C-alpha atoms as a PDB file:
ATOM      1  CA  MET A   1     100.226 158.719 119.706  1.00  0.00           C
ATOM      2  CA  GLU A   2     101.897 155.499 119.540  1.00  0.00           C
ATOM      3  CA  LYS A   3      99.932 152.629 118.591  1.00  0.00           C
ATOM      4  CA  ILE A   4     101.036 149.292 120.220  1.00  0.00           C
ATOM      5  CA  GLN A   5      99.912 145.541 119.571  1.00  0.00           C
ATOM      6  CA  PHE A   6      99.250 143.235 122.444  1.00  0.00           C
ATOM      7  CA  GLN A   7      98.562 139.458 122.147  1.00  0.00           C
ATOM      8  CA  THR A   8      95.644 138.311 123.876  1.00  0.00           C
ATOM      9  CA  ASP A   9      95.725 135.123 126.173  1.00  0.00           C
ATOM     10  CA  SER A  10      93.894 133.411 123.432  1.00  0.00           C
ATOM     11  CA  GLY A  11      96.404 134.170 120.664  1.00  0.00           C
ATOM     12  CA  ASP A  12      94.559 137.221 119.187  1.00  0.00           C
ATOM     13  CA  VAL A  13      96.093 140.606 118.499  1.00  0.00           C
ATOM     14  CA  ALA A  14      94.554 143.687 119.771  1.00  0.00           C
ATOM     15  CA  GLU A  15      95.612 147.200 118.880  1.00  0.00           C
ATOM     16  CA  PHE A  16      95.752 149.963 121.367  1.00  0.00           C
ATOM     17  CA  PHE A  17      96.724 153.740 121.174  1.00  0.00           C
ATOM     18  CA  VAL A  18      99.001 154.693 124.166  1.00  0.00           C
ATOM     19  CA  GLU A  19      97.513 158.005 126.036  1.00  0.00           C
ATOM     20  CA  GLU A  20     100.107 158.328 128.854  1.00  0.00           C
ATOM     21  CA  GLN A  21     102.486 156.291 131.016  1.00  0.00           C
ATOM     22  CA  THR A  22     103.393 156.363 134.461  1.00  0.00           C
ATOM     23  CA  SER A  23     105.264 154.734 137.158  1.00  0.00           C
ATOM     24  CA  ILE A  24     104.086 153.917 140.872  1.00  0.00           C
ATOM     25  CA  ALA A  25     106.101 152.305 143.399  1.00  0.00           C
ATOM     26  CA  GLY A  26     108.577 150.655 140.948  1.00  0.00           C
ATOM     27  CA  THR A  27     105.275 149.557 138.706  1.00  0.00           C
ATOM     28  CA  THR A  28     104.576 150.815 135.327  1.00  0.00           C
ATOM     29  CA  TYR A  29     101.179 151.473 134.063  1.00  0.00           C
ATOM     30  CA  LEU A  30      99.769 152.430 130.764  1.00  0.00           C
ATOM     31  CA  LEU A  31      96.661 154.094 129.810  1.00  0.00           C
ATOM     32  CA  VAL A  32      95.604 152.908 126.488  1.00  0.00           C
ATOM     33  CA  SER A  33      92.431 153.528 124.275  1.00  0.00           C
ATOM     34  CA  ASP A  34      91.071 152.091 121.561  1.00  0.00           C
ATOM     35  CA  SER A  35      90.126 154.757 119.520  1.00  0.00           C
ATOM     36  CA  GLN A  36      91.579 158.509 118.992  1.00  0.00           C
ATOM     37  CA  GLU A  37      87.825 159.619 118.868  1.00  0.00           C
ATOM     38  CA  ASP A  38      86.496 161.657 122.027  1.00  0.00           C
ATOM     39  CA  GLU A  39      84.094 158.357 122.991  1.00  0.00           C
ATOM     40  CA  ALA A  40      86.915 155.954 123.104  1.00  0.00           C
ATOM     41  CA  SER A  41      87.262 152.966 125.341  1.00  0.00           C
ATOM     42  CA  ALA A  42      90.288 153.373 127.897  1.00  0.00           C
ATOM     43  CA  TYR A  43      91.948 150.694 129.597  1.00  0.00           C
ATOM     44  CA  ILE A  44      94.554 150.685 132.831  1.00  0.00           C
ATOM     45  CA  MET A  45      97.531 148.143 131.891  1.00  0.00           C
ATOM     46  CA  ARG A  46     100.041 146.967 134.352  1.00  0.00           C
ATOM     47  CA  ASP A  47     103.539 145.630 133.478  1.00  0.00           C
ATOM     48  CA  VAL A  48     104.234 142.159 135.023  1.00  0.00           C
ATOM     49  CA  SER A  49     107.275 141.711 132.844  1.00  0.00           C
ATOM     50  CA  GLU A  50     110.624 139.960 134.157  1.00  0.00           C
ATOM     51  CA  PRO A  51     113.319 142.473 134.930  1.00  0.00           C
ATOM     52  CA  ASP A  52     115.256 140.736 132.466  1.00  0.00           C
ATOM     53  CA  SER A  53     112.553 140.075 129.364  1.00  0.00           C
ATOM     54  CA  GLU A  54     113.046 141.863 125.786  1.00  0.00           C
ATOM     55  CA  ASP A  55     109.386 141.720 125.538  1.00  0.00           C
ATOM     56  CA  ALA A  56     106.980 143.654 127.857  1.00  0.00           C
ATOM     57  CA  CYS A  57     103.891 141.976 129.438  1.00  0.00           C
ATOM     58  CA  TYR A  58     100.641 143.804 130.212  1.00  0.00           C
ATOM     59  CA  VAL A  59      97.629 142.883 132.039  1.00  0.00           C
ATOM     60  CA  MET A  60      94.437 144.962 132.089  1.00  0.00           C
ATOM     61  CA  VAL A  61      94.127 146.581 135.865  1.00  0.00           C
ATOM     62  CA  GLU A  62      91.050 144.748 137.308  1.00  0.00           C
ATOM     63  CA  ASP A  63      90.961 145.175 141.263  1.00  0.00           C
ATOM     64  CA  PRO A  64      89.003 148.180 142.001  1.00  0.00           C
ATOM     65  CA  GLU A  65      91.298 149.698 144.584  1.00  0.00           C
ATOM     66  CA  GLU A  66      94.453 149.577 142.094  1.00  0.00           C
ATOM     67  CA  PHE A  67      91.885 151.138 139.735  1.00  0.00           C
ATOM     68  CA  GLN A  68      91.087 153.807 141.718  1.00  0.00           C
ATOM     69  CA  ALA A  69      94.704 154.830 142.807  1.00  0.00           C
ATOM     70  CA  VAL A  70      96.073 154.620 139.154  1.00  0.00           C
ATOM     71  CA  SER A  71      93.316 156.111 137.478  1.00  0.00           C
ATOM     72  CA  ARG A  72      93.272 159.420 140.061  1.00  0.00           C
ATOM     73  CA  ILE A  73      97.463 159.624 139.052  1.00  0.00           C
ATOM     74  CA  PHE A  74      96.076 159.612 135.151  1.00  0.00           C
ATOM     75  CA  GLU A  75      93.559 162.076 135.751  1.00  0.00           C
ATOM     76  CA  GLN A  76      95.577 164.787 137.071  1.00  0.00           C
ATOM     77  CA  MET A  77      97.889 164.108 134.098  1.00  0.00           C
ATOM     78  CA  LEU A  78      95.374 164.403 131.710  1.00  0.00           C
ATOM     79  CA  GLU A  79      93.028 167.504 131.296  1.00  0.00           C
ATOM     80  CA  ASN A  80      89.164 166.603 130.717  1.00  0.00           C
ATOM     81  CA  VAL A  81      89.178 162.983 131.146  1.00  0.00           C
ATOM     82  CA  ASP A  82      87.155 160.940 133.994  1.00  0.00           C
ATOM     83  CA  PHE A  83      87.339 157.259 134.552  1.00  0.00           C
ATOM     84  CA  GLU A  84      84.657 154.572 135.215  1.00  0.00           C
ATOM     85  CA  MET A  85      85.147 150.985 135.526  1.00  0.00           C
ATOM     86  CA  GLU A  86      83.053 148.817 134.185  1.00  0.00           C
ATOM     87  CA  GLU A  87      81.484 145.422 135.788  1.00  0.00           C
ATOM     88  CA  LYS A  88      82.460 142.282 133.823  1.00  0.00           C
ATOM     89  CA  VAL A  89      79.613 140.563 132.628  1.00  0.00           C
END
């Protein structure tokens, strides 16, 4: 499984494992996890890169409707996966 690094808004580096990738209406989404363990936290990331950019730019999907739609796609692609959107505190 591919492990990639993301630079956060604060400049820190976060590493995630890419579980799956899909494209919906021309937008690329990644399903990433923070661990390869069974109870890992998973996140859906949306590609917001400029078309001619050399670097990819991803943001976490935070809109509940977008999250539900994309998570249904990933649930169909993967077996034994259930998604829950956690509220930010």
